[in-house]
Amino acid sequence: MLSPLAYGLAIVLSLFITFIGVRFLVAPRASAAGYGVPAAEGQGDPAYLTVKGVRDLTYGLVGLALIAFTSAEAVAWFMLVVALAPLGDTVIVLRHGGTRAVAFGVHFATAVVVLLDAALLFAL
């Protein structure tokens, strides 16, 4: 019972971050607004938004590869480490004028779910 839940959640989280990465590459300004810190019009922002897209796309694809080709323990360690990204995103949103609702309701909540999945995977 625990195995399908842990792996199912890992798959959903990996697919979701892959989607977010692709969205940042395809619609960077809209994605930035959804992230919680709208991108200012300017010369440097498009590059940073692309970096965010590539980062998220990479995390998602690495997660899916680990799920497909390694053990639950390897996926658990990945989830534990990758939880740093949404925790960092929480701080970024708070420090750059985003709302507490987005910081905690989106980014911090995501970190909690990723950490919960890591715990479930470690329990297998």
PDB file of N, CA and C in Angstrom:
ATOM      1  N   MET A   1       0.820  -1.204   0.000  1.00  0.00           N
ATOM      2  CA  MET A   1       0.000   0.000   0.000  1.00  0.00           C
ATOM      3  C   MET A   1       0.859   1.262   0.000  1.00  0.00           C
ATOM      4  N   LEU A   2       1.923   1.273   0.786  1.00  0.00           N
ATOM      5  CA  LEU A   2       2.783   2.449   0.891  1.00  0.00           C
ATOM      6  C   LEU A   2       3.574   2.684  -0.398  1.00  0.00           C
ATOM      7  N   SER A   3       3.993   1.609  -1.038  1.00  0.00           N
ATOM      8  CA  SER A   3       4.815   1.732  -2.237  1.00  0.00           C
ATOM      9  C   SER A   3       4.118   2.479  -3.375  1.00  0.00           C
ATOM     10  N   PRO A   4       2.869   2.103  -3.743  1.00  0.00           N
ATOM     11  CA  PRO A   4       2.219   2.859  -4.826  1.00  0.00           C
ATOM     12  C   PRO A   4       2.000   4.333  -4.468  1.00  0.00           C
ATOM     13  N   LEU A   5       1.702   4.609  -3.206  1.00  0.00           N
ATOM     14  CA  LEU A   5       1.492   5.994  -2.776  1.00  0.00           C
ATOM     15  C   LEU A   5       2.800   6.791  -2.874  1.00  0.00           C
ATOM     16  N   ALA A   6       3.880   6.236  -2.354  1.00  0.00           N
ATOM     17  CA  ALA A   6       5.167   6.929  -2.362  1.00  0.00           C
ATOM     18  C   ALA A   6       5.656   7.154  -3.787  1.00  0.00           C
ATOM     19  N   TYR A   7       5.593   6.111  -4.608  1.00  0.00           N
ATOM     20  CA  TYR A   7       6.052   6.258  -5.995  1.00  0.00           C
ATOM     21  C   TYR A   7       5.095   7.126  -6.811  1.00  0.00           C
ATOM     22  N   GLY A   8       3.806   6.988  -6.573  1.00  0.00           N
ATOM     23  CA  GLY A   8       2.829   7.810  -7.290  1.00  0.00           C
ATOM     24  C   GLY A   8       3.034   9.285  -7.009  1.00  0.00           C
ATOM     25  N   LEU A   9       3.257   9.608  -5.746  1.00  0.00           N
ATOM     26  CA  LEU A   9       3.503  11.003  -5.379  1.00  0.00           C
ATOM     27  C   LEU A   9       4.808  11.503  -5.993  1.00  0.00           C
ATOM     28  N   ALA A  10       5.833  10.660  -5.998  1.00  0.00           N
ATOM     29  CA  ALA A  10       7.113  11.043  -6.606  1.00  0.00           C
ATOM     30  C   ALA A  10       6.942  11.310  -8.102  1.00  0.00           C
ATOM     31  N   ILE A  11       6.161  10.493  -8.771  1.00  0.00           N
ATOM     32  CA  ILE A  11       5.910  10.689 -10.204  1.00  0.00           C
ATOM     33  C   ILE A  11       5.159  11.992 -10.438  1.00  0.00           C
ATOM     34  N   VAL A  12       4.113  12.227  -9.655  1.00  0.00           N
ATOM     35  CA  VAL A  12       3.322  13.455  -9.813  1.00  0.00           C
ATOM     36  C   VAL A  12       4.195  14.688  -9.557  1.00  0.00           C
ATOM     37  N   LEU A  13       5.002  14.665  -8.506  1.00  0.00           N
ATOM     38  CA  LEU A  13       5.872  15.801  -8.207  1.00  0.00           C
ATOM     39  C   LEU A  13       6.886  16.029  -9.319  1.00  0.00           C
ATOM     40  N   SER A  14       7.457  14.952  -9.839  1.00  0.00           N
ATOM     41  CA  SER A  14       8.446  15.085 -10.920  1.00  0.00           C
ATOM     42  C   SER A  14       7.807  15.603 -12.205  1.00  0.00           C
ATOM     43  N   LEU A  15       6.622  15.107 -12.523  1.00  0.00           N
ATOM     44  CA  LEU A  15       5.918  15.604 -13.717  1.00  0.00           C
ATOM     45  C   LEU A  15       5.533  17.070 -13.546  1.00  0.00           C
ATOM     46  N   PHE A  16       5.112  17.434 -12.336  1.00  0.00           N
ATOM     47  CA  PHE A  16       4.691  18.806 -12.078  1.00  0.00           C
ATOM     48  C   PHE A  16       5.862  19.777 -12.233  1.00  0.00           C
ATOM     49  N   ILE A  17       7.022  19.435 -11.683  1.00  0.00           N
ATOM     50  CA  ILE A  17       8.165  20.354 -11.798  1.00  0.00           C
ATOM     51  C   ILE A  17       8.671  20.389 -13.235  1.00  0.00           C
ATOM     52  N   THR A  18       8.533  19.273 -13.961  1.00  0.00           N
ATOM     53  CA  THR A  18       8.882  19.270 -15.390  1.00  0.00           C
ATOM     54  C   THR A  18       7.970  20.247 -16.135  1.00  0.00           C
ATOM     55  N   PHE A  19       6.678  20.195 -15.844  1.00  0.00           N
ATOM     56  CA  PHE A  19       5.715  21.114 -16.462  1.00  0.00           C
ATOM     57  C   PHE A  19       6.062  22.571 -16.147  1.00  0.00           C
ATOM     58  N   ILE A  20       6.405  22.843 -14.893  1.00  0.00           N
ATOM     59  CA  ILE A  20       6.753  24.214 -14.510  1.00  0.00           C
ATOM     60  C   ILE A  20       7.985  24.678 -15.279  1.00  0.00           C
ATOM     61  N   GLY A  21       8.972  23.800 -15.420  1.00  0.00           N
ATOM     62  CA  GLY A  21      10.172  24.151 -16.184  1.00  0.00           C
ATOM     63  C   GLY A  21       9.852  24.487 -17.625  1.00  0.00           C
ATOM     64  N   VAL A  22       9.035  23.651 -18.253  1.00  0.00           N
ATOM     65  CA  VAL A  22       8.644  23.909 -19.646  1.00  0.00           C
ATOM     66  C   VAL A  22       7.870  25.218 -19.732  1.00  0.00           C
ATOM     67  N   ARG A  23       6.993  25.462 -18.768  1.00  0.00           N
ATOM     68  CA  ARG A  23       6.198  26.703 -18.776  1.00  0.00           C
ATOM     69  C   ARG A  23       7.097  27.930 -18.671  1.00  0.00           C
ATOM     70  N   PHE A  24       8.127  27.858 -17.833  1.00  0.00           N
ATOM     71  CA  PHE A  24       9.062  28.990 -17.724  1.00  0.00           C
ATOM     72  C   PHE A  24       9.814  29.211 -19.025  1.00  0.00           C
ATOM     73  N   LEU A  25      10.053  28.162 -19.785  1.00  0.00           N
ATOM     74  CA  LEU A  25      10.745  28.316 -21.068  1.00  0.00           C
ATOM     75  C   LEU A  25       9.813  28.858 -22.146  1.00  0.00           C
ATOM     76  N   VAL A  26       8.534  28.496 -22.080  1.00  0.00           N
ATOM     77  CA  VAL A  26       7.565  28.884 -23.116  1.00  0.00           C
ATOM     78  C   VAL A  26       6.893  30.223 -22.804  1.00  0.00           C
ATOM     79  N   ALA A  27       6.518  30.441 -21.556  1.00  0.00           N
ATOM     80  CA  ALA A  27       5.815  31.674 -21.156  1.00  0.00           C
ATOM     81  C   ALA A  27       6.471  32.236 -19.893  1.00  0.00           C
ATOM     82  N   PRO A  28       7.677  32.778 -20.017  1.00  0.00           N
ATOM     83  CA  PRO A  28       8.434  33.165 -18.822  1.00  0.00           C
ATOM     84  C   PRO A  28       7.786  34.244 -17.955  1.00  0.00           C
ATOM     85  N   ARG A  29       7.231  35.259 -18.540  1.00  0.00           N
ATOM     86  CA  ARG A  29       6.659  36.351 -17.729  1.00  0.00           C
ATOM     87  C   ARG A  29       5.417  35.896 -16.965  1.00  0.00           C
ATOM     88  N   ALA A  30       4.553  35.140 -17.616  1.00  0.00           N
ATOM     89  CA  ALA A  30       3.371  34.609 -16.925  1.00  0.00           C
ATOM     90  C   ALA A  30       3.785  33.649 -15.817  1.00  0.00           C
ATOM     91  N   SER A  31       4.807  32.861 -16.086  1.00  0.00           N
ATOM     92  CA  SER A  31       5.296  31.920 -15.082  1.00  0.00           C
ATOM     93  C   SER A  31       5.876  32.642 -13.880  1.00  0.00           C
ATOM     94  N   ALA A  32       6.596  33.715 -14.129  1.00  0.00           N
ATOM     95  CA  ALA A  32       7.178  34.491 -13.036  1.00  0.00           C
ATOM     96  C   ALA A  32       6.083  35.078 -12.154  1.00  0.00           C
ATOM     97  N   ALA A  33       5.014  35.551 -12.763  1.00  0.00           N
ATOM     98  CA  ALA A  33       3.900  36.082 -11.983  1.00  0.00           C
ATOM     99  C   ALA A  33       3.286  34.983 -11.115  1.00  0.00           C
ATOM    100  N   GLY A  34       3.135  33.790 -11.667  1.00  0.00           N
ATOM    101  CA  GLY A  34       2.613  32.659 -10.906  1.00  0.00           C
ATOM    102  C   GLY A  34       3.559  32.214  -9.808  1.00  0.00           C
ATOM    103  N   TYR A  35       4.836  32.405 -10.019  1.00  0.00           N
ATOM    104  CA  TYR A  35       5.868  32.061  -9.037  1.00  0.00           C
ATOM    105  C   TYR A  35       5.736  32.932  -7.786  1.00  0.00           C
ATOM    106  N   GLY A  36       5.244  34.138  -7.988  1.00  0.00           N
ATOM    107  CA  GLY A  36       5.045  35.027  -6.849  1.00  0.00           C
ATOM    108  C   GLY A  36       5.852  36.299  -6.897  1.00  0.00           C
ATOM    109  N   VAL A  37       6.764  36.404  -7.862  1.00  0.00           N
ATOM    110  CA  VAL A  37       7.553  37.618  -8.038  1.00  0.00           C
ATOM    111  C   VAL A  37       7.543  37.947  -9.526  1.00  0.00           C
ATOM    112  N   PRO A  38       6.645  38.829  -9.942  1.00  0.00           N
ATOM    113  CA  PRO A  38       6.570  39.157 -11.369  1.00  0.00           C
ATOM    114  C   PRO A  38       7.901  39.689 -11.888  1.00  0.00           C
ATOM    115  N   ALA A  39       8.218  39.344 -13.119  1.00  0.00           N
ATOM    116  CA  ALA A  39       9.465  39.796 -13.740  1.00  0.00           C
ATOM    117  C   ALA A  39       9.300  41.222 -14.229  1.00  0.00           C
ATOM    118  N   ALA A  40      10.241  42.049 -13.867  1.00  0.00           N
ATOM    119  CA  ALA A  40      10.242  43.422 -14.339  1.00  0.00           C
ATOM    120  C   ALA A  40      10.696  43.446 -15.786  1.00  0.00           C
ATOM    121  N   GLU A  41      10.167  44.390 -16.526  1.00  0.00           N
ATOM    122  CA  GLU A  41      10.651  44.567 -17.890  1.00  0.00           C
ATOM    123  C   GLU A  41      12.109  44.979 -17.800  1.00  0.00           C
ATOM    124  N   GLY A  42      12.949  44.300 -18.527  1.00  0.00           N
ATOM    125  CA  GLY A  42      14.361  44.638 -18.460  1.00  0.00           C
ATOM    126  C   GLY A  42      15.198  43.668 -19.261  1.00  0.00           C
ATOM    127  N   GLN A  43      16.421  44.030 -19.438  1.00  0.00           N
ATOM    128  CA  GLN A  43      17.307  43.265 -20.287  1.00  0.00           C
ATOM    129  C   GLN A  43      17.716  41.932 -19.657  1.00  0.00           C
ATOM    130  N   GLY A  44      17.920  41.873 -18.345  1.00  0.00           N
ATOM    131  CA  GLY A  44      18.441  40.669 -17.721  1.00  0.00           C
ATOM    132  C   GLY A  44      17.409  39.627 -17.369  1.00  0.00           C
ATOM    133  N   ASP A  45      16.154  40.039 -17.133  1.00  0.00           N
ATOM    134  CA  ASP A  45      15.147  39.099 -16.658  1.00  0.00           C
ATOM    135  C   ASP A  45      14.940  37.879 -17.546  1.00  0.00           C
ATOM    136  N   PRO A  46      14.882  38.009 -18.866  1.00  0.00           N
ATOM    137  CA  PRO A  46      14.627  36.808 -19.675  1.00  0.00           C
ATOM    138  C   PRO A  46      15.662  35.704 -19.460  1.00  0.00           C
ATOM    139  N   ALA A  47      16.907  36.055 -19.282  1.00  0.00           N
ATOM    140  CA  ALA A  47      17.943  35.039 -19.047  1.00  0.00           C
ATOM    141  C   ALA A  47      17.691  34.326 -17.724  1.00  0.00           C
ATOM    142  N   TYR A  48      17.364  35.067 -16.671  1.00  0.00           N
ATOM    143  CA  TYR A  48      17.133  34.446 -15.374  1.00  0.00           C
ATOM    144  C   TYR A  48      15.884  33.571 -15.384  1.00  0.00           C
ATOM    145  N   LEU A  49      14.880  33.991 -16.113  1.00  0.00           N
ATOM    146  CA  LEU A  49      13.673  33.180 -16.211  1.00  0.00           C
ATOM    147  C   LEU A  49      13.963  31.887 -16.973  1.00  0.00           C
ATOM    148  N   THR A  50      14.826  31.952 -17.961  1.00  0.00           N
ATOM    149  CA  THR A  50      15.228  30.747 -18.695  1.00  0.00           C
ATOM    150  C   THR A  50      16.017  29.821 -17.784  1.00  0.00           C
ATOM    151  N   VAL A  51      16.889  30.379 -16.964  1.00  0.00           N
ATOM    152  CA  VAL A  51      17.643  29.564 -16.004  1.00  0.00           C
ATOM    153  C   VAL A  51      16.682  28.823 -15.083  1.00  0.00           C
ATOM    154  N   LYS A  52      15.667  29.513 -14.583  1.00  0.00           N
ATOM    155  CA  LYS A  52      14.657  28.884 -13.715  1.00  0.00           C
ATOM    156  C   LYS A  52      13.961  27.753 -14.459  1.00  0.00           C
ATOM    157  N   GLY A  53      13.624  27.969 -15.709  1.00  0.00           N
ATOM    158  CA  GLY A  53      12.968  26.929 -16.495  1.00  0.00           C
ATOM    159  C   GLY A  53      13.846  25.711 -16.688  1.00  0.00           C
ATOM    160  N   VAL A  54      15.100  25.942 -17.021  1.00  0.00           N
ATOM    161  CA  VAL A  54      16.029  24.817 -17.221  1.00  0.00           C
ATOM    162  C   VAL A  54      16.250  24.078 -15.905  1.00  0.00           C
ATOM    163  N   ARG A  55      16.390  24.817 -14.805  1.00  0.00           N
ATOM    164  CA  ARG A  55      16.574  24.185 -13.487  1.00  0.00           C
ATOM    165  C   ARG A  55      15.404  23.265 -13.160  1.00  0.00           C
ATOM    166  N   ASP A  56      14.194  23.772 -13.284  1.00  0.00           N
ATOM    167  CA  ASP A  56      13.020  22.982 -12.933  1.00  0.00           C
ATOM    168  C   ASP A  56      12.823  21.804 -13.881  1.00  0.00           C
ATOM    169  N   LEU A  57      13.024  22.028 -15.166  1.00  0.00           N
ATOM    170  CA  LEU A  57      12.914  20.945 -16.140  1.00  0.00           C
ATOM    171  C   LEU A  57      13.922  19.838 -15.809  1.00  0.00           C
ATOM    172  N   THR A  58      15.139  20.219 -15.475  1.00  0.00           N
ATOM    173  CA  THR A  58      16.177  19.243 -15.135  1.00  0.00           C
ATOM    174  C   THR A  58      15.812  18.458 -13.884  1.00  0.00           C
ATOM    175  N   TYR A  59      15.363  19.151 -12.837  1.00  0.00           N
ATOM    176  CA  TYR A  59      14.949  18.448 -11.616  1.00  0.00           C
ATOM    177  C   TYR A  59      13.855  17.429 -11.914  1.00  0.00           C
ATOM    178  N   GLY A  60      12.895  17.823 -12.709  1.00  0.00           N
ATOM    179  CA  GLY A  60      11.796  16.912 -13.027  1.00  0.00           C
ATOM    180  C   GLY A  60      12.261  15.691 -13.795  1.00  0.00           C
ATOM    181  N   LEU A  61      13.109  15.897 -14.786  1.00  0.00           N
ATOM    182  CA  LEU A  61      13.589  14.772 -15.593  1.00  0.00           C
ATOM    183  C   LEU A  61      14.525  13.859 -14.802  1.00  0.00           C
ATOM    184  N   VAL A  62      15.358  14.435 -13.950  1.00  0.00           N
ATOM    185  CA  VAL A  62      16.220  13.602 -13.096  1.00  0.00           C
ATOM    186  C   VAL A  62      15.359  12.778 -12.144  1.00  0.00           C
ATOM    187  N   GLY A  63      14.333  13.393 -11.580  1.00  0.00           N
ATOM    188  CA  GLY A  63      13.426  12.651 -10.702  1.00  0.00           C
ATOM    189  C   GLY A  63      12.775  11.483 -11.418  1.00  0.00           C
ATOM    190  N   LEU A  64      12.283  11.713 -12.627  1.00  0.00           N
ATOM    191  CA  LEU A  64      11.656  10.628 -13.395  1.00  0.00           C
ATOM    192  C   LEU A  64      12.659   9.533 -13.739  1.00  0.00           C
ATOM    193  N   ALA A  65      13.886   9.919 -14.086  1.00  0.00           N
ATOM    194  CA  ALA A  65      14.916   8.917 -14.392  1.00  0.00           C
ATOM    195  C   ALA A  65      15.245   8.082 -13.151  1.00  0.00           C
ATOM    196  N   LEU A  66      15.359   8.724 -12.008  1.00  0.00           N
ATOM    197  CA  LEU A  66      15.635   7.982 -10.779  1.00  0.00           C
ATOM    198  C   LEU A  66      14.499   7.014 -10.443  1.00  0.00           C
ATOM    199  N   ILE A  67      13.272   7.474 -10.620  1.00  0.00           N
ATOM    200  CA  ILE A  67      12.121   6.611 -10.358  1.00  0.00           C
ATOM    201  C   ILE A  67      12.150   5.391 -11.276  1.00  0.00           C
ATOM    202  N   ALA A  68      12.506   5.614 -12.522  1.00  0.00           N
ATOM    203  CA  ALA A  68      12.488   4.521 -13.503  1.00  0.00           C
ATOM    204  C   ALA A  68      13.656   3.554 -13.338  1.00  0.00           C
ATOM    205  N   PHE A  69      14.812   4.036 -12.908  1.00  0.00           N
ATOM    206  CA  PHE A  69      16.009   3.203 -13.007  1.00  0.00           C
ATOM    207  C   PHE A  69      16.752   2.932 -11.702  1.00  0.00           C
ATOM    208  N   THR A  70      16.272   3.447 -10.572  1.00  0.00           N
ATOM    209  CA  THR A  70      17.004   3.224  -9.322  1.00  0.00           C
ATOM    210  C   THR A  70      16.063   2.731  -8.232  1.00  0.00           C
ATOM    211  N   SER A  71      16.555   2.769  -7.016  1.00  0.00           N
ATOM    212  CA  SER A  71      15.808   2.262  -5.860  1.00  0.00           C
ATOM    213  C   SER A  71      14.986   3.369  -5.193  1.00  0.00           C
ATOM    214  N   ALA A  72      14.108   2.931  -4.315  1.00  0.00           N
ATOM    215  CA  ALA A  72      13.316   3.884  -3.535  1.00  0.00           C
ATOM    216  C   ALA A  72      14.227   4.764  -2.679  1.00  0.00           C
ATOM    217  N   GLU A  73      15.301   4.189  -2.170  1.00  0.00           N
ATOM    218  CA  GLU A  73      16.209   4.963  -1.334  1.00  0.00           C
ATOM    219  C   GLU A  73      16.875   6.093  -2.133  1.00  0.00           C
ATOM    220  N   ALA A  74      17.271   5.809  -3.369  1.00  0.00           N
ATOM    221  CA  ALA A  74      17.884   6.847  -4.213  1.00  0.00           C
ATOM    222  C   ALA A  74      16.882   7.963  -4.502  1.00  0.00           C
ATOM    223  N   VAL A  75      15.643   7.590  -4.796  1.00  0.00           N
ATOM    224  CA  VAL A  75      14.605   8.598  -5.056  1.00  0.00           C
ATOM    225  C   VAL A  75      14.337   9.398  -3.782  1.00  0.00           C
ATOM    226  N   ALA A  76      14.345   8.735  -2.633  1.00  0.00           N
ATOM    227  CA  ALA A  76      14.122   9.425  -1.358  1.00  0.00           C
ATOM    228  C   ALA A  76      15.210  10.465  -1.097  1.00  0.00           C
ATOM    229  N   TRP A  77      16.468  10.100  -1.326  1.00  0.00           N
ATOM    230  CA  TRP A  77      17.564  11.055  -1.136  1.00  0.00           C
ATOM    231  C   TRP A  77      17.426  12.230  -2.098  1.00  0.00           C
ATOM    232  N   PHE A  78      17.042  11.942  -3.340  1.00  0.00           N
ATOM    233  CA  PHE A  78      16.826  13.014  -4.310  1.00  0.00           C
ATOM    234  C   PHE A  78      15.735  13.963  -3.816  1.00  0.00           C
ATOM    235  N   MET A  79      14.616  13.420  -3.365  1.00  0.00           N
ATOM    236  CA  MET A  79      13.508  14.255  -2.882  1.00  0.00           C
ATOM    237  C   MET A  79      13.939  15.087  -1.671  1.00  0.00           C
ATOM    238  N   LEU A  80      14.707  14.468  -0.784  1.00  0.00           N
ATOM    239  CA  LEU A  80      15.177  15.182   0.395  1.00  0.00           C
ATOM    240  C   LEU A  80      16.033  16.386  -0.009  1.00  0.00           C
ATOM    241  N   VAL A  81      16.942  16.180  -0.929  1.00  0.00           N
ATOM    242  CA  VAL A  81      17.832  17.259  -1.371  1.00  0.00           C
ATOM    243  C   VAL A  81      17.076  18.297  -2.199  1.00  0.00           C
ATOM    244  N   VAL A  82      16.222  17.842  -3.103  1.00  0.00           N
ATOM    245  CA  VAL A  82      15.529  18.775  -4.002  1.00  0.00           C
ATOM    246  C   VAL A  82      14.494  19.628  -3.253  1.00  0.00           C
ATOM    247  N   ALA A  83      14.126  19.240  -2.040  1.00  0.00           N
ATOM    248  CA  ALA A  83      13.218  20.063  -1.230  1.00  0.00           C
ATOM    249  C   ALA A  83      13.835  21.418  -0.909  1.00  0.00           C
ATOM    250  N   LEU A  84      15.155  21.522  -1.039  1.00  0.00           N
ATOM    251  CA  LEU A  84      15.805  22.815  -0.826  1.00  0.00           C
ATOM    252  C   LEU A  84      15.345  23.867  -1.834  1.00  0.00           C
ATOM    253  N   ALA A  85      14.995  23.437  -3.045  1.00  0.00           N
ATOM    254  CA  ALA A  85      14.568  24.401  -4.076  1.00  0.00           C
ATOM    255  C   ALA A  85      13.289  25.133  -3.666  1.00  0.00           C
ATOM    256  N   PRO A  86      12.196  24.426  -3.318  1.00  0.00           N
ATOM    257  CA  PRO A  86      11.010  25.190  -2.912  1.00  0.00           C
ATOM    258  C   PRO A  86      11.183  25.927  -1.587  1.00  0.00           C
ATOM    259  N   LEU A  87      12.049  25.423  -0.696  1.00  0.00           N
ATOM    260  CA  LEU A  87      12.335  26.183   0.523  1.00  0.00           C
ATOM    261  C   LEU A  87      13.039  27.495   0.164  1.00  0.00           C
ATOM    262  N   GLY A  88      13.995  27.410  -0.744  1.00  0.00           N
ATOM    263  CA  GLY A  88      14.659  28.626  -1.223  1.00  0.00           C
ATOM    264  C   GLY A  88      13.696  29.550  -1.940  1.00  0.00           C
ATOM    265  N   ASP A  89      12.795  28.975  -2.723  1.00  0.00           N
ATOM    266  CA  ASP A  89      11.802  29.790  -3.418  1.00  0.00           C
ATOM    267  C   ASP A  89      10.910  30.535  -2.432  1.00  0.00           C
ATOM    268  N   THR A  90      10.604  29.903  -1.295  1.00  0.00           N
ATOM    269  CA  THR A  90       9.816  30.569  -0.258  1.00  0.00           C
ATOM    270  C   THR A  90      10.519  31.838   0.202  1.00  0.00           C
ATOM    271  N   VAL A  91      11.796  31.725   0.484  1.00  0.00           N
ATOM    272  CA  VAL A  91      12.578  32.867   0.953  1.00  0.00           C
ATOM    273  C   VAL A  91      12.680  33.940  -0.139  1.00  0.00           C
ATOM    274  N   ILE A  92      12.897  33.507  -1.374  1.00  0.00           N
ATOM    275  CA  ILE A  92      13.007  34.459  -2.490  1.00  0.00           C
ATOM    276  C   ILE A  92      11.727  35.276  -2.635  1.00  0.00           C
ATOM    277  N   VAL A  93      10.587  34.602  -2.600  1.00  0.00           N
ATOM    278  CA  VAL A  93       9.309  35.309  -2.742  1.00  0.00           C
ATOM    279  C   VAL A  93       9.124  36.300  -1.594  1.00  0.00           C
ATOM    280  N   LEU A  94       9.429  35.886  -0.380  1.00  0.00           N
ATOM    281  CA  LEU A  94       9.265  36.780   0.768  1.00  0.00           C
ATOM    282  C   LEU A  94      10.218  37.973   0.705  1.00  0.00           C
ATOM    283  N   ARG A  95      11.441  37.757   0.267  1.00  0.00           N
ATOM    284  CA  ARG A  95      12.446  38.834   0.234  1.00  0.00           C
ATOM    285  C   ARG A  95      12.262  39.793  -0.925  1.00  0.00           C
ATOM    286  N   HIS A  96      11.480  39.398  -1.923  1.00  0.00           N
ATOM    287  CA  HIS A  96      11.353  40.244  -3.109  1.00  0.00           C
ATOM    288  C   HIS A  96       9.928  40.733  -3.343  1.00  0.00           C
ATOM    289  N   GLY A  97       9.194  40.911  -2.266  1.00  0.00           N
ATOM    290  CA  GLY A  97       7.906  41.574  -2.348  1.00  0.00           C
ATOM    291  C   GLY A  97       6.731  40.698  -2.709  1.00  0.00           C
ATOM    292  N   GLY A  98       6.918  39.395  -2.772  1.00  0.00           N
ATOM    293  CA  GLY A  98       5.789  38.508  -3.041  1.00  0.00           C
ATOM    294  C   GLY A  98       4.909  38.375  -1.808  1.00  0.00           C
ATOM    295  N   THR A  99       3.754  37.805  -1.987  1.00  0.00           N
ATOM    296  CA  THR A  99       2.832  37.672  -0.862  1.00  0.00           C
ATOM    297  C   THR A  99       3.188  36.458  -0.005  1.00  0.00           C
ATOM    298  N   ARG A 100       2.825  36.550   1.251  1.00  0.00           N
ATOM    299  CA  ARG A 100       3.017  35.421   2.165  1.00  0.00           C
ATOM    300  C   ARG A 100       2.161  34.239   1.729  1.00  0.00           C
ATOM    301  N   ALA A 101       1.002  34.529   1.142  1.00  0.00           N
ATOM    302  CA  ALA A 101       0.119  33.455   0.691  1.00  0.00           C
ATOM    303  C   ALA A 101       0.803  32.593  -0.363  1.00  0.00           C
ATOM    304  N   VAL A 102       1.468  33.225  -1.324  1.00  0.00           N
ATOM    305  CA  VAL A 102       2.179  32.458  -2.357  1.00  0.00           C
ATOM    306  C   VAL A 102       3.417  31.798  -1.759  1.00  0.00           C
ATOM    307  N   ALA A 103       4.163  32.525  -0.947  1.00  0.00           N
ATOM    308  CA  ALA A 103       5.391  31.972  -0.365  1.00  0.00           C
ATOM    309  C   ALA A 103       5.102  30.702   0.426  1.00  0.00           C
ATOM    310  N   PHE A 104       4.095  30.777   1.291  1.00  0.00           N
ATOM    311  CA  PHE A 104       3.813  29.629   2.149  1.00  0.00           C
ATOM    312  C   PHE A 104       2.801  28.669   1.535  1.00  0.00           C
ATOM    313  N   GLY A 105       1.808  29.223   0.839  1.00  0.00           N
ATOM    314  CA  GLY A 105       0.757  28.382   0.263  1.00  0.00           C
ATOM    315  C   GLY A 105       1.196  27.598  -0.959  1.00  0.00           C
ATOM    316  N   VAL A 106       2.199  28.090  -1.665  1.00  0.00           N
ATOM    317  CA  VAL A 106       2.698  27.387  -2.851  1.00  0.00           C
ATOM    318  C   VAL A 106       4.061  26.772  -2.561  1.00  0.00           C
ATOM    319  N   HIS A 107       5.051  27.602  -2.302  1.00  0.00           N
ATOM    320  CA  HIS A 107       6.431  27.118  -2.221  1.00  0.00           C
ATOM    321  C   HIS A 107       6.706  26.302  -0.958  1.00  0.00           C
ATOM    322  N   PHE A 108       6.343  26.832   0.208  1.00  0.00           N
ATOM    323  CA  PHE A 108       6.596  26.093   1.439  1.00  0.00           C
ATOM    324  C   PHE A 108       5.757  24.818   1.486  1.00  0.00           C
ATOM    325  N   ALA A 109       4.509  24.915   1.043  1.00  0.00           N
ATOM    326  CA  ALA A 109       3.655  23.715   1.010  1.00  0.00           C
ATOM    327  C   ALA A 109       4.246  22.654   0.085  1.00  0.00           C
ATOM    328  N   THR A 110       4.806  23.080  -1.035  1.00  0.00           N
ATOM    329  CA  THR A 110       5.462  22.137  -1.940  1.00  0.00           C
ATOM    330  C   THR A 110       6.629  21.466  -1.247  1.00  0.00           C
ATOM    331  N   ALA A 111       7.438  22.230  -0.535  1.00  0.00           N
ATOM    332  CA  ALA A 111       8.578  21.653   0.187  1.00  0.00           C
ATOM    333  C   ALA A 111       8.112  20.613   1.197  1.00  0.00           C
ATOM    334  N   VAL A 112       7.026  20.896   1.888  1.00  0.00           N
ATOM    335  CA  VAL A 112       6.489  19.947   2.867  1.00  0.00           C
ATOM    336  C   VAL A 112       6.051  18.653   2.184  1.00  0.00           C
ATOM    337  N   VAL A 113       5.374  18.763   1.053  1.00  0.00           N
ATOM    338  CA  VAL A 113       4.926  17.574   0.331  1.00  0.00           C
ATOM    339  C   VAL A 113       6.123  16.778  -0.185  1.00  0.00           C
ATOM    340  N   VAL A 114       7.140  17.459  -0.690  1.00  0.00           N
ATOM    341  CA  VAL A 114       8.346  16.770  -1.175  1.00  0.00           C
ATOM    342  C   VAL A 114       9.031  16.056  -0.012  1.00  0.00           C
ATOM    343  N   LEU A 115       9.133  16.703   1.136  1.00  0.00           N
ATOM    344  CA  LEU A 115       9.739  16.063   2.309  1.00  0.00           C
ATOM    345  C   LEU A 115       8.903  14.882   2.799  1.00  0.00           C
ATOM    346  N   LEU A 116       7.592  15.013   2.752  1.00  0.00           N
ATOM    347  CA  LEU A 116       6.708  13.900   3.113  1.00  0.00           C
ATOM    348  C   LEU A 116       6.938  12.714   2.175  1.00  0.00           C
ATOM    349  N   ASP A 117       7.069  12.997   0.885  1.00  0.00           N
ATOM    350  CA  ASP A 117       7.328  11.918  -0.071  1.00  0.00           C
ATOM    351  C   ASP A 117       8.677  11.274   0.204  1.00  0.00           C
ATOM    352  N   ALA A 118       9.681  12.072   0.546  1.00  0.00           N
ATOM    353  CA  ALA A 118      10.994  11.514   0.893  1.00  0.00           C
ATOM    354  C   ALA A 118      10.854  10.554   2.073  1.00  0.00           C
ATOM    355  N   ALA A 119      10.108  10.960   3.090  1.00  0.00           N
ATOM    356  CA  ALA A 119       9.901  10.099   4.259  1.00  0.00           C
ATOM    357  C   ALA A 119       9.191   8.798   3.876  1.00  0.00           C
ATOM    358  N   LEU A 120       8.175   8.903   3.021  1.00  0.00           N
ATOM    359  CA  LEU A 120       7.467   7.691   2.567  1.00  0.00           C
ATOM    360  C   LEU A 120       8.402   6.764   1.787  1.00  0.00           C
ATOM    361  N   LEU A 121       9.233   7.339   0.944  1.00  0.00           N
ATOM    362  CA  LEU A 121      10.161   6.529   0.167  1.00  0.00           C
ATOM    363  C   LEU A 121      11.226   5.894   1.052  1.00  0.00           C
ATOM    364  N   PHE A 122      11.704   6.610   2.053  1.00  0.00           N
ATOM    365  CA  PHE A 122      12.662   6.018   2.995  1.00  0.00           C
ATOM    366  C   PHE A 122      12.040   4.860   3.773  1.00  0.00           C
ATOM    367  N   ALA A 123      10.733   4.921   3.984  1.00  0.00           N
ATOM    368  CA  ALA A 123      10.038   3.878   4.761  1.00  0.00           C
ATOM    369  C   ALA A 123       9.854   2.581   3.967  1.00  0.00           C
ATOM    370  N   LEU A 124      10.056   2.615   2.664  1.00  0.00           N
ATOM    371  CA  LEU A 124       9.854   1.399   1.845  1.00  0.00           C
ATOM    372  C   LEU A 124      10.953   0.390   2.076  1.00  0.00           C
TER     373      LEU A 124
END
